[in-house]
Amino acid sequence: MSTAPKSGAASWVDRCLHGWAKRIVHRRQRVLWIVLLLVVVCGGVTAARLVIRNNTLDLIRKDSPVFQK
């Protein structure tokens, strides 16, 4: 980094670019948290569907004469 004084226009541009970069970084972090939350929710829904499906198949097997010995 240079220690020479900057002109007013250059410092204004630097401030704008720095603010824009901070917004992009915060937005990316927010998107990552949202994606993580969606993955967790979808995993929970899939697990619940699997449990319900297995329980339903168990009930069908118990009541069906085909599976009785």
Protein backbone atom coordinates (compact mmCIF):
# COMPACT_ATOMS: atom_id res chain seq x y z
CA MET A 1 0.00 0.00 0.00
CA SER A 2 1.29 3.43 -0.76
CA THR A 3 1.33 6.11 1.88
CA ALA A 4 1.05 8.97 -0.60
CA PRO A 5 -2.06 11.11 -0.15
CA LYS A 6 -4.85 10.24 -2.55
CA SER A 7 -6.94 12.64 -4.49
CA GLY A 8 -10.54 13.15 -3.47
CA ALA A 9 -11.91 11.31 -6.51
CA ALA A 10 -9.65 8.31 -5.99
CA SER A 11 -10.53 8.01 -2.32
CA TRP A 12 -14.24 8.26 -3.17
CA VAL A 13 -13.89 5.47 -5.74
CA ASP A 14 -11.93 3.38 -3.24
CA ARG A 15 -14.67 3.84 -0.63
CA CYS A 16 -17.36 2.85 -3.14
CA LEU A 17 -15.44 -0.24 -4.23
CA HIS A 18 -14.73 -1.22 -0.64
CA GLY A 19 -18.42 -0.86 0.29
CA TRP A 20 -19.45 -2.88 -2.76
CA ALA A 21 -16.98 -5.64 -1.89
CA LYS A 22 -18.29 -5.80 1.70
CA ARG A 23 -21.87 -6.14 0.45
CA ILE A 24 -20.88 -8.94 -1.93
CA VAL A 25 -19.08 -10.84 0.85
CA HIS A 26 -22.02 -10.48 3.26
CA ARG A 27 -24.47 -11.52 0.55
CA ARG A 28 -22.37 -14.60 -0.27
CA GLN A 29 -22.27 -15.58 3.41
CA ARG A 30 -26.05 -15.19 3.64
CA VAL A 31 -26.53 -17.35 0.53
CA LEU A 32 -24.29 -20.04 2.03
CA TRP A 33 -26.34 -20.09 5.26
CA ILE A 34 -29.59 -20.28 3.27
CA VAL A 35 -28.24 -23.17 1.18
CA LEU A 36 -27.12 -24.98 4.33
CA LEU A 37 -30.57 -24.50 5.87
CA LEU A 38 -32.25 -25.84 2.72
CA VAL A 39 -29.99 -28.91 2.71
CA VAL A 40 -30.85 -29.64 6.36
CA VAL A 41 -34.59 -29.16 5.77
CA CYS A 42 -34.57 -31.35 2.65
CA GLY A 43 -32.66 -34.03 4.55
CA GLY A 44 -35.23 -33.95 7.33
CA VAL A 45 -38.12 -34.21 4.88
CA THR A 46 -36.44 -37.12 3.10
CA ALA A 47 -35.80 -38.93 6.38
CA ALA A 48 -39.42 -38.44 7.46
CA ARG A 49 -40.69 -39.77 4.12
CA LEU A 50 -38.42 -42.80 4.40
CA VAL A 51 -39.65 -43.60 7.92
CA ILE A 52 -43.29 -43.21 6.88
CA ARG A 53 -42.72 -45.40 3.81
CA ASN A 54 -41.03 -48.14 5.81
CA ASN A 55 -43.77 -48.11 8.45
CA THR A 56 -46.46 -48.26 5.76
CA LEU A 57 -44.76 -51.21 4.06
CA ASP A 58 -44.49 -52.99 7.41
CA LEU A 59 -48.22 -52.51 7.99
CA ILE A 60 -49.02 -53.82 4.50
CA ARG A 61 -46.84 -56.88 5.05
CA LYS A 62 -48.55 -57.63 8.38
CA ASP A 63 -52.05 -57.45 6.88
CA SER A 64 -51.32 -59.12 3.55
CA PRO A 65 -51.90 -62.88 3.30
CA VAL A 66 -49.06 -63.12 0.78
CA PHE A 67 -46.47 -62.33 3.44
CA GLN A 68 -47.99 -64.47 6.21
CA LYS A 69 -46.45 -67.87 6.86
